[in-house]
Amino acid sequence: MNLTDHEYLIQIDAKLCGSVHKRKIAYSTIEFYNSLYINKKDILLAQIRACELLYNYTADIFDINVLKKEISDLKLMLDNVIIVKKITMLLQYSLLRRIP
């Protein structure tokens, strides 16, 4: 079953792979609407959506734990990207104000 939403810039598919005790998540891109510029925030949001969709259809407790950890790690990375972007914008603004 393929579920797609055309509102998003990038479509990513998440798959669980590996042995029972060493499960990892592999991502593959499905399609790009504008492949000239894709920033980290869009990629992280697409990965979170893919993991949440996979989480909804997972029954195994080990896979659920792997997905929960991956989603929390991705959200933490997204928060860091947003914070760095805000700090960069503030620094640029303060530097522009200093130029006579």
PDB file of N, CA and C in Angstrom:
ATOM      1  N   MET A   1       0.839  -1.167   0.000  1.00  0.00           N
ATOM      2  CA  MET A   1       0.000   0.000   0.000  1.00  0.00           C
ATOM      3  C   MET A   1       0.892   1.240   0.000  1.00  0.00           C
ATOM      4  N   ASN A   2       0.683   2.122  -0.906  1.00  0.00           N
ATOM      5  CA  ASN A   2       1.417   3.376  -0.979  1.00  0.00           C
ATOM      6  C   ASN A   2       0.483   4.520  -0.626  1.00  0.00           C
ATOM      7  N   LEU A   3       0.850   5.264   0.399  1.00  0.00           N
ATOM      8  CA  LEU A   3       0.079   6.430   0.797  1.00  0.00           C
ATOM      9  C   LEU A   3       0.907   7.657   0.476  1.00  0.00           C
ATOM     10  N   THR A   4       0.380   8.526  -0.350  1.00  0.00           N
ATOM     11  CA  THR A   4       1.123   9.732  -0.709  1.00  0.00           C
ATOM     12  C   THR A   4       0.245  10.948  -0.489  1.00  0.00           C
ATOM     13  N   ASP A   5       0.897  12.035  -0.168  1.00  0.00           N
ATOM     14  CA  ASP A   5       0.221  13.312  -0.001  1.00  0.00           C
ATOM     15  C   ASP A   5       0.997  14.320  -0.828  1.00  0.00           C
ATOM     16  N   HIS A   6       0.370  14.898  -1.811  1.00  0.00           N
ATOM     17  CA  HIS A   6       1.074  15.754  -2.762  1.00  0.00           C
ATOM     18  C   HIS A   6       1.324  17.165  -2.247  1.00  0.00           C
ATOM     19  N   GLU A   7       0.927  17.450  -1.009  1.00  0.00           N
ATOM     20  CA  GLU A   7       1.203  18.767  -0.437  1.00  0.00           C
ATOM     21  C   GLU A   7       2.685  18.938  -0.132  1.00  0.00           C
ATOM     22  N   TYR A   8       3.363  17.850   0.169  1.00  0.00           N
ATOM     23  CA  TYR A   8       4.716  17.928   0.658  1.00  0.00           C
ATOM     24  C   TYR A   8       5.715  18.010  -0.484  1.00  0.00           C
ATOM     25  N   LEU A   9       6.848  18.622  -0.188  1.00  0.00           N
ATOM     26  CA  LEU A   9       7.891  18.832  -1.182  1.00  0.00           C
ATOM     27  C   LEU A   9       8.612  17.531  -1.524  1.00  0.00           C
ATOM     28  N   ILE A  10       8.817  16.683  -0.546  1.00  0.00           N
ATOM     29  CA  ILE A  10       9.590  15.461  -0.733  1.00  0.00           C
ATOM     30  C   ILE A  10       8.833  14.288  -0.118  1.00  0.00           C
ATOM     31  N   GLN A  11       8.860  13.165  -0.791  1.00  0.00           N
ATOM     32  CA  GLN A  11       8.232  11.948  -0.286  1.00  0.00           C
ATOM     33  C   GLN A  11       9.335  10.957   0.063  1.00  0.00           C
ATOM     34  N   ILE A  12       9.339  10.485   1.296  1.00  0.00           N
ATOM     35  CA  ILE A  12      10.333   9.522   1.752  1.00  0.00           C
ATOM     36  C   ILE A  12       9.610   8.299   2.288  1.00  0.00           C
ATOM     37  N   ASP A  13      10.157   7.133   1.972  1.00  0.00           N
ATOM     38  CA  ASP A  13       9.614   5.865   2.435  1.00  0.00           C
ATOM     39  C   ASP A  13      10.564   5.317   3.493  1.00  0.00           C
ATOM     40  N   ALA A  14      10.027   4.833   4.617  1.00  0.00           N
ATOM     41  CA  ALA A  14      10.835   4.256   5.690  1.00  0.00           C
ATOM     42  C   ALA A  14      10.595   2.756   5.745  1.00  0.00           C
ATOM     43  N   LYS A  15      11.688   2.010   5.919  1.00  0.00           N
ATOM     44  CA  LYS A  15      11.597   0.548   6.010  1.00  0.00           C
ATOM     45  C   LYS A  15      12.460   0.079   7.162  1.00  0.00           C
ATOM     46  N   LEU A  16      11.988  -0.925   7.887  1.00  0.00           N
ATOM     47  CA  LEU A  16      12.780  -1.538   8.943  1.00  0.00           C
ATOM     48  C   LEU A  16      13.608  -2.660   8.334  1.00  0.00           C
ATOM     49  N   CYS A  17      14.880  -2.726   8.702  1.00  0.00           N
ATOM     50  CA  CYS A  17      15.741  -3.766   8.167  1.00  0.00           C
ATOM     51  C   CYS A  17      16.713  -4.207   9.251  1.00  0.00           C
ATOM     52  N   GLY A  18      17.381  -5.304   9.025  1.00  0.00           N
ATOM     53  CA  GLY A  18      18.352  -5.823   9.976  1.00  0.00           C
ATOM     54  C   GLY A  18      17.805  -7.003  10.746  1.00  0.00           C
ATOM     55  N   SER A  19      18.644  -7.533  11.652  1.00  0.00           N
ATOM     56  CA  SER A  19      18.229  -8.678  12.453  1.00  0.00           C
ATOM     57  C   SER A  19      17.281  -8.223  13.558  1.00  0.00           C
ATOM     58  N   VAL A  20      16.781  -9.184  14.308  1.00  0.00           N
ATOM     59  CA  VAL A  20      15.770  -8.884  15.333  1.00  0.00           C
ATOM     60  C   VAL A  20      16.313  -7.933  16.390  1.00  0.00           C
ATOM     61  N   HIS A  21      17.561  -8.121  16.788  1.00  0.00           N
ATOM     62  CA  HIS A  21      18.128  -7.304  17.870  1.00  0.00           C
ATOM     63  C   HIS A  21      18.888  -6.086  17.379  1.00  0.00           C
ATOM     64  N   LYS A  22      19.117  -5.983  16.091  1.00  0.00           N
ATOM     65  CA  LYS A  22      19.817  -4.822  15.531  1.00  0.00           C
ATOM     66  C   LYS A  22      18.987  -4.236  14.400  1.00  0.00           C
ATOM     67  N   ARG A  23      17.804  -3.783  14.725  1.00  0.00           N
ATOM     68  CA  ARG A  23      16.914  -3.203  13.720  1.00  0.00           C
ATOM     69  C   ARG A  23      17.346  -1.786  13.408  1.00  0.00           C
ATOM     70  N   LYS A  24      17.306  -1.423  12.144  1.00  0.00           N
ATOM     71  CA  LYS A  24      17.607  -0.068  11.698  1.00  0.00           C
ATOM     72  C   LYS A  24      16.535   0.362  10.720  1.00  0.00           C
ATOM     73  N   ILE A  25      16.477   1.652  10.502  1.00  0.00           N
ATOM     74  CA  ILE A  25      15.497   2.204   9.578  1.00  0.00           C
ATOM     75  C   ILE A  25      16.238   2.704   8.344  1.00  0.00           C
ATOM     76  N   ALA A  26      15.777   2.252   7.193  1.00  0.00           N
ATOM     77  CA  ALA A  26      16.346   2.688   5.914  1.00  0.00           C
ATOM     78  C   ALA A  26      15.331   3.591   5.232  1.00  0.00           C
ATOM     79  N   TYR A  27      15.822   4.671   4.660  1.00  0.00           N
ATOM     80  CA  TYR A  27      14.958   5.632   3.975  1.00  0.00           C
ATOM     81  C   TYR A  27      15.247   5.601   2.487  1.00  0.00           C
ATOM     82  N   SER A  28      14.199   5.768   1.716  1.00  0.00           N
ATOM     83  CA  SER A  28      14.371   5.924   0.274  1.00  0.00           C
ATOM     84  C   SER A  28      13.436   7.040  -0.193  1.00  0.00           C
ATOM     85  N   THR A  29      13.907   7.807  -1.150  1.00  0.00           N
ATOM     86  CA  THR A  29      13.089   8.898  -1.664  1.00  0.00           C
ATOM     87  C   THR A  29      12.147   8.366  -2.723  1.00  0.00           C
ATOM     88  N   ILE A  30      10.933   8.875  -2.702  1.00  0.00           N
ATOM     89  CA  ILE A  30       9.932   8.440  -3.668  1.00  0.00           C
ATOM     90  C   ILE A  30       9.862   9.415  -4.828  1.00  0.00           C
ATOM     91  N   GLU A  31       9.684  10.687  -4.515  1.00  0.00           N
ATOM     92  CA  GLU A  31       9.607  11.670  -5.592  1.00  0.00           C
ATOM     93  C   GLU A  31       9.911  13.063  -5.064  1.00  0.00           C
ATOM     94  N   PHE A  32      10.409  13.896  -5.959  1.00  0.00           N
ATOM     95  CA  PHE A  32      10.688  15.286  -5.660  1.00  0.00           C
ATOM     96  C   PHE A  32       9.817  16.146  -6.568  1.00  0.00           C
ATOM     97  N   TYR A  33       9.228  17.186  -5.994  1.00  0.00           N
ATOM     98  CA  TYR A  33       8.490  18.127  -6.830  1.00  0.00           C
ATOM     99  C   TYR A  33       9.385  19.266  -7.280  1.00  0.00           C
ATOM    100  N   ASN A  34      10.319  19.630  -6.437  1.00  0.00           N
ATOM    101  CA  ASN A  34      11.270  20.666  -6.801  1.00  0.00           C
ATOM    102  C   ASN A  34      12.619  20.231  -6.260  1.00  0.00           C
ATOM    103  N   SER A  35      13.390  19.545  -7.055  1.00  0.00           N
ATOM    104  CA  SER A  35      14.633  18.960  -6.569  1.00  0.00           C
ATOM    105  C   SER A  35      15.815  19.928  -6.610  1.00  0.00           C
ATOM    106  N   LEU A  36      15.607  21.173  -6.992  1.00  0.00           N
ATOM    107  CA  LEU A  36      16.706  22.126  -7.028  1.00  0.00           C
ATOM    108  C   LEU A  36      17.155  22.521  -5.631  1.00  0.00           C
ATOM    109  N   TYR A  37      16.212  22.658  -4.709  1.00  0.00           N
ATOM    110  CA  TYR A  37      16.564  23.076  -3.368  1.00  0.00           C
ATOM    111  C   TYR A  37      15.692  22.332  -2.366  1.00  0.00           C
ATOM    112  N   ILE A  38      16.326  21.492  -1.575  1.00  0.00           N
ATOM    113  CA  ILE A  38      15.637  20.801  -0.487  1.00  0.00           C
ATOM    114  C   ILE A  38      16.478  21.014   0.759  1.00  0.00           C
ATOM    115  N   ASN A  39      15.917  21.635   1.764  1.00  0.00           N
ATOM    116  CA  ASN A  39      16.701  21.907   2.958  1.00  0.00           C
ATOM    117  C   ASN A  39      16.551  20.791   3.991  1.00  0.00           C
ATOM    118  N   LYS A  40      17.359  20.869   5.032  1.00  0.00           N
ATOM    119  CA  LYS A  40      17.372  19.834   6.065  1.00  0.00           C
ATOM    120  C   LYS A  40      16.026  19.701   6.748  1.00  0.00           C
ATOM    121  N   LYS A  41      15.362  20.825   6.947  1.00  0.00           N
ATOM    122  CA  LYS A  41      14.073  20.805   7.633  1.00  0.00           C
ATOM    123  C   LYS A  41      13.048  19.976   6.856  1.00  0.00           C
ATOM    124  N   ASP A  42      12.994  20.141   5.538  1.00  0.00           N
ATOM    125  CA  ASP A  42      12.052  19.372   4.722  1.00  0.00           C
ATOM    126  C   ASP A  42      12.366  17.876   4.758  1.00  0.00           C
ATOM    127  N   ILE A  43      13.645  17.546   4.724  1.00  0.00           N
ATOM    128  CA  ILE A  43      14.042  16.139   4.771  1.00  0.00           C
ATOM    129  C   ILE A  43      13.678  15.528   6.114  1.00  0.00           C
ATOM    130  N   LEU A  44      13.969  16.237   7.204  1.00  0.00           N
ATOM    131  CA  LEU A  44      13.646  15.716   8.538  1.00  0.00           C
ATOM    132  C   LEU A  44      12.137  15.566   8.729  1.00  0.00           C
ATOM    133  N   LEU A  45      11.362  16.531   8.248  1.00  0.00           N
ATOM    134  CA  LEU A  45       9.904  16.419   8.349  1.00  0.00           C
ATOM    135  C   LEU A  45       9.382  15.220   7.563  1.00  0.00           C
ATOM    136  N   ALA A  46       9.954  14.985   6.397  1.00  0.00           N
ATOM    137  CA  ALA A  46       9.535  13.834   5.593  1.00  0.00           C
ATOM    138  C   ALA A  46       9.918  12.523   6.272  1.00  0.00           C
ATOM    139  N   GLN A  47      11.078  12.479   6.901  1.00  0.00           N
ATOM    140  CA  GLN A  47      11.488  11.274   7.622  1.00  0.00           C
ATOM    141  C   GLN A  47      10.581  11.015   8.821  1.00  0.00           C
ATOM    142  N   ILE A  48      10.198  12.073   9.529  1.00  0.00           N
ATOM    143  CA  ILE A  48       9.288  11.919  10.667  1.00  0.00           C
ATOM    144  C   ILE A  48       7.942  11.395  10.195  1.00  0.00           C
ATOM    145  N   ARG A  49       7.422  11.958   9.099  1.00  0.00           N
ATOM    146  CA  ARG A  49       6.136  11.477   8.555  1.00  0.00           C
ATOM    147  C   ARG A  49       6.218  10.011   8.157  1.00  0.00           C
ATOM    148  N   ALA A  50       7.329   9.617   7.536  1.00  0.00           N
ATOM    149  CA  ALA A  50       7.495   8.230   7.101  1.00  0.00           C
ATOM    150  C   ALA A  50       7.568   7.283   8.298  1.00  0.00           C
ATOM    151  N   CYS A  51       8.284   7.679   9.342  1.00  0.00           N
ATOM    152  CA  CYS A  51       8.379   6.839  10.542  1.00  0.00           C
ATOM    153  C   CYS A  51       7.032   6.741  11.258  1.00  0.00           C
ATOM    154  N   GLU A  52       6.305   7.845  11.328  1.00  0.00           N
ATOM    155  CA  GLU A  52       4.997   7.814  11.983  1.00  0.00           C
ATOM    156  C   GLU A  52       4.015   6.939  11.211  1.00  0.00           C
ATOM    157  N   LEU A  53       4.086   6.970   9.898  1.00  0.00           N
ATOM    158  CA  LEU A  53       3.221   6.115   9.091  1.00  0.00           C
ATOM    159  C   LEU A  53       3.576   4.644   9.299  1.00  0.00           C
ATOM    160  N   LEU A  54       4.865   4.337   9.330  1.00  0.00           N
ATOM    161  CA  LEU A  54       5.305   2.971   9.584  1.00  0.00           C
ATOM    162  C   LEU A  54       4.923   2.531  10.998  1.00  0.00           C
ATOM    163  N   TYR A  55       5.022   3.443  11.953  1.00  0.00           N
ATOM    164  CA  TYR A  55       4.652   3.154  13.347  1.00  0.00           C
ATOM    165  C   TYR A  55       3.177   2.753  13.454  1.00  0.00           C
ATOM    166  N   ASN A  56       2.321   3.394  12.695  1.00  0.00           N
ATOM    167  CA  ASN A  56       0.891   3.087  12.746  1.00  0.00           C
ATOM    168  C   ASN A  56       0.579   1.668  12.278  1.00  0.00           C
ATOM    169  N   TYR A  57       1.427   1.095  11.429  1.00  0.00           N
ATOM    170  CA  TYR A  57       1.171  -0.229  10.871  1.00  0.00           C
ATOM    171  C   TYR A  57       2.087  -1.307  11.439  1.00  0.00           C
ATOM    172  N   THR A  58       2.814  -1.003  12.506  1.00  0.00           N
ATOM    173  CA  THR A  58       3.744  -1.962  13.097  1.00  0.00           C
ATOM    174  C   THR A  58       3.116  -2.618  14.317  1.00  0.00           C
ATOM    175  N   ALA A  59       3.289  -3.940  14.421  1.00  0.00           N
ATOM    176  CA  ALA A  59       2.722  -4.684  15.545  1.00  0.00           C
ATOM    177  C   ALA A  59       3.793  -5.221  16.497  1.00  0.00           C
ATOM    178  N   ASP A  60       5.011  -5.422  16.008  1.00  0.00           N
ATOM    179  CA  ASP A  60       6.083  -5.999  16.814  1.00  0.00           C
ATOM    180  C   ASP A  60       6.609  -4.974  17.811  1.00  0.00           C
ATOM    181  N   ILE A  61       6.764  -5.382  19.080  1.00  0.00           N
ATOM    182  CA  ILE A  61       7.173  -4.469  20.138  1.00  0.00           C
ATOM    183  C   ILE A  61       8.603  -3.961  19.926  1.00  0.00           C
ATOM    184  N   PHE A  62       9.496  -4.800  19.390  1.00  0.00           N
ATOM    185  CA  PHE A  62      10.871  -4.359  19.131  1.00  0.00           C
ATOM    186  C   PHE A  62      10.892  -3.279  18.048  1.00  0.00           C
ATOM    187  N   ASP A  63      10.094  -3.473  17.019  1.00  0.00           N
ATOM    188  CA  ASP A  63      10.021  -2.477  15.948  1.00  0.00           C
ATOM    189  C   ASP A  63       9.397  -1.179  16.440  1.00  0.00           C
ATOM    190  N   ILE A  64       8.399  -1.284  17.312  1.00  0.00           N
ATOM    191  CA  ILE A  64       7.761  -0.085  17.867  1.00  0.00           C
ATOM    192  C   ILE A  64       8.778   0.723  18.662  1.00  0.00           C
ATOM    193  N   ASN A  65       9.608   0.041  19.459  1.00  0.00           N
ATOM    194  CA  ASN A  65      10.625   0.752  20.248  1.00  0.00           C
ATOM    195  C   ASN A  65      11.662   1.417  19.356  1.00  0.00           C
ATOM    196  N   VAL A  66      12.070   0.742  18.291  1.00  0.00           N
ATOM    197  CA  VAL A  66      13.034   1.323  17.349  1.00  0.00           C
ATOM    198  C   VAL A  66      12.436   2.574  16.701  1.00  0.00           C
ATOM    199  N   LEU A  67      11.173   2.482  16.303  1.00  0.00           N
ATOM    200  CA  LEU A  67      10.513   3.623  15.657  1.00  0.00           C
ATOM    201  C   LEU A  67      10.317   4.782  16.627  1.00  0.00           C
ATOM    202  N   LYS A  68       9.952   4.502  17.870  1.00  0.00           N
ATOM    203  CA  LYS A  68       9.803   5.572  18.865  1.00  0.00           C
ATOM    204  C   LYS A  68      11.121   6.320  19.056  1.00  0.00           C
ATOM    205  N   LYS A  69      12.219   5.566  19.166  1.00  0.00           N
ATOM    206  CA  LYS A  69      13.528   6.199  19.346  1.00  0.00           C
ATOM    207  C   LYS A  69      13.909   7.018  18.116  1.00  0.00           C
ATOM    208  N   GLU A  70      13.658   6.477  16.933  1.00  0.00           N
ATOM    209  CA  GLU A  70      13.992   7.199  15.704  1.00  0.00           C
ATOM    210  C   GLU A  70      13.180   8.484  15.577  1.00  0.00           C
ATOM    211  N   ILE A  71      11.896   8.423  15.893  1.00  0.00           N
ATOM    212  CA  ILE A  71      11.047   9.616  15.816  1.00  0.00           C
ATOM    213  C   ILE A  71      11.514  10.670  16.802  1.00  0.00           C
ATOM    214  N   SER A  72      11.849  10.255  18.028  1.00  0.00           N
ATOM    215  CA  SER A  72      12.323  11.241  19.008  1.00  0.00           C
ATOM    216  C   SER A  72      13.668  11.835  18.593  1.00  0.00           C
ATOM    217  N   ASP A  73      14.565  11.014  18.027  1.00  0.00           N
ATOM    218  CA  ASP A  73      15.854  11.537  17.546  1.00  0.00           C
ATOM    219  C   ASP A  73      15.663  12.516  16.388  1.00  0.00           C
ATOM    220  N   LEU A  74      14.759  12.184  15.474  1.00  0.00           N
ATOM    221  CA  LEU A  74      14.498  13.076  14.339  1.00  0.00           C
ATOM    222  C   LEU A  74      13.889  14.397  14.797  1.00  0.00           C
ATOM    223  N   LYS A  75      12.991  14.342  15.772  1.00  0.00           N
ATOM    224  CA  LYS A  75      12.397  15.583  16.293  1.00  0.00           C
ATOM    225  C   LYS A  75      13.440  16.438  16.996  1.00  0.00           C
ATOM    226  N   LEU A  76      14.367  15.794  17.698  1.00  0.00           N
ATOM    227  CA  LEU A  76      15.454  16.534  18.339  1.00  0.00           C
ATOM    228  C   LEU A  76      16.342  17.208  17.291  1.00  0.00           C
ATOM    229  N   MET A  77      16.673  16.478  16.218  1.00  0.00           N
ATOM    230  CA  MET A  77      17.469  17.068  15.137  1.00  0.00           C
ATOM    231  C   MET A  77      16.727  18.230  14.477  1.00  0.00           C
ATOM    232  N   LEU A  78      15.414  18.076  14.307  1.00  0.00           N
ATOM    233  CA  LEU A  78      14.614  19.147  13.709  1.00  0.00           C
ATOM    234  C   LEU A  78      14.634  20.387  14.589  1.00  0.00           C
ATOM    235  N   ASP A  79      14.498  20.196  15.898  1.00  0.00           N
ATOM    236  CA  ASP A  79      14.575  21.330  16.821  1.00  0.00           C
ATOM    237  C   ASP A  79      15.930  22.024  16.723  1.00  0.00           C
ATOM    238  N   ASN A  80      17.005  21.242  16.619  1.00  0.00           N
ATOM    239  CA  ASN A  80      18.342  21.832  16.503  1.00  0.00           C
ATOM    240  C   ASN A  80      18.497  22.614  15.205  1.00  0.00           C
ATOM    241  N   VAL A  81      17.950  22.099  14.113  1.00  0.00           N
ATOM    242  CA  VAL A  81      18.025  22.808  12.825  1.00  0.00           C
ATOM    243  C   VAL A  81      17.277  24.132  12.911  1.00  0.00           C
ATOM    244  N   ILE A  82      16.108  24.119  13.531  1.00  0.00           N
ATOM    245  CA  ILE A  82      15.311  25.341  13.660  1.00  0.00           C
ATOM    246  C   ILE A  82      16.024  26.356  14.549  1.00  0.00           C
ATOM    247  N   ILE A  83      16.619  25.893  15.644  1.00  0.00           N
ATOM    248  CA  ILE A  83      17.327  26.800  16.554  1.00  0.00           C
ATOM    249  C   ILE A  83      18.536  27.417  15.854  1.00  0.00           C
ATOM    250  N   VAL A  84      19.305  26.601  15.138  1.00  0.00           N
ATOM    251  CA  VAL A  84      20.480  27.119  14.424  1.00  0.00           C
ATOM    252  C   VAL A  84      20.059  28.141  13.377  1.00  0.00           C
ATOM    253  N   LYS A  85      18.955  27.878  12.693  1.00  0.00           N
ATOM    254  CA  LYS A  85      18.472  28.825  11.683  1.00  0.00           C
ATOM    255  C   LYS A  85      18.083  30.155  12.327  1.00  0.00           C
ATOM    256  N   LYS A  86      17.408  30.106  13.473  1.00  0.00           N
ATOM    257  CA  LYS A  86      17.013  31.347  14.163  1.00  0.00           C
ATOM    258  C   LYS A  86      18.233  32.113  14.639  1.00  0.00           C
ATOM    259  N   ILE A  87      19.221  31.405  15.185  1.00  0.00           N
ATOM    260  CA  ILE A  87      20.439  32.071  15.654  1.00  0.00           C
ATOM    261  C   ILE A  87      21.169  32.711  14.482  1.00  0.00           C
ATOM    262  N   THR A  88      21.240  32.011  13.365  1.00  0.00           N
ATOM    263  CA  THR A  88      21.902  32.554  12.179  1.00  0.00           C
ATOM    264  C   THR A  88      21.192  33.810  11.687  1.00  0.00           C
ATOM    265  N   MET A  89      19.866  33.780  11.678  1.00  0.00           N
ATOM    266  CA  MET A  89      19.116  34.960  11.242  1.00  0.00           C
ATOM    267  C   MET A  89      19.343  36.131  12.188  1.00  0.00           C
ATOM    268  N   LEU A  90      19.373  35.872  13.498  1.00  0.00           N
ATOM    269  CA  LEU A  90      19.616  36.943  14.457  1.00  0.00           C
ATOM    270  C   LEU A  90      21.016  37.531  14.296  1.00  0.00           C
ATOM    271  N   LEU A  91      21.994  36.666  14.068  1.00  0.00           N
ATOM    272  CA  LEU A  91      23.355  37.156  13.866  1.00  0.00           C
ATOM    273  C   LEU A  91      23.465  37.985  12.593  1.00  0.00           C
ATOM    274  N   GLN A  92      22.845  37.537  11.537  1.00  0.00           N
ATOM    275  CA  GLN A  92      22.868  38.297  10.288  1.00  0.00           C
ATOM    276  C   GLN A  92      22.195  39.653  10.467  1.00  0.00           C
ATOM    277  N   TYR A  93      21.084  39.670  11.181  1.00  0.00           N
ATOM    278  CA  TYR A  93      20.371  40.921  11.412  1.00  0.00           C
ATOM    279  C   TYR A  93      21.215  41.877  12.247  1.00  0.00           C
ATOM    280  N   SER A  94      21.865  41.348  13.284  1.00  0.00           N
ATOM    281  CA  SER A  94      22.686  42.219  14.126  1.00  0.00           C
ATOM    282  C   SER A  94      23.904  42.740  13.369  1.00  0.00           C
ATOM    283  N   LEU A  95      24.468  41.925  12.471  1.00  0.00           N
ATOM    284  CA  LEU A  95      25.598  42.398  11.670  1.00  0.00           C
ATOM    285  C   LEU A  95      25.166  43.457  10.667  1.00  0.00           C
ATOM    286  N   LEU A  96      23.994  43.304  10.096  1.00  0.00           N
ATOM    287  CA  LEU A  96      23.502  44.295   9.143  1.00  0.00           C
ATOM    288  C   LEU A  96      23.211  45.633   9.810  1.00  0.00           C
ATOM    289  N   ARG A  97      22.775  45.597  11.023  1.00  0.00           N
ATOM    290  CA  ARG A  97      22.490  46.845  11.750  1.00  0.00           C
ATOM    291  C   ARG A  97      23.763  47.608  12.099  1.00  0.00           C
ATOM    292  N   ARG A  98      24.883  46.897  12.221  1.00  0.00           N
ATOM    293  CA  ARG A  98      26.151  47.543  12.584  1.00  0.00           C
ATOM    294  C   ARG A  98      26.804  48.230  11.407  1.00  0.00           C
ATOM    295  N   ILE A  99      26.479  47.832  10.200  1.00  0.00           N
ATOM    296  CA  ILE A  99      27.105  48.433   9.016  1.00  0.00           C
ATOM    297  C   ILE A  99      26.568  49.850   8.845  1.00  0.00           C
ATOM    298  N   PRO A 100      27.479  50.833   8.798  1.00  0.00           N
ATOM    299  CA  PRO A 100      27.013  52.226   8.653  1.00  0.00           C
ATOM    300  C   PRO A 100      26.560  52.555   7.252  1.00  0.00           C
TER     301      PRO A 100
END
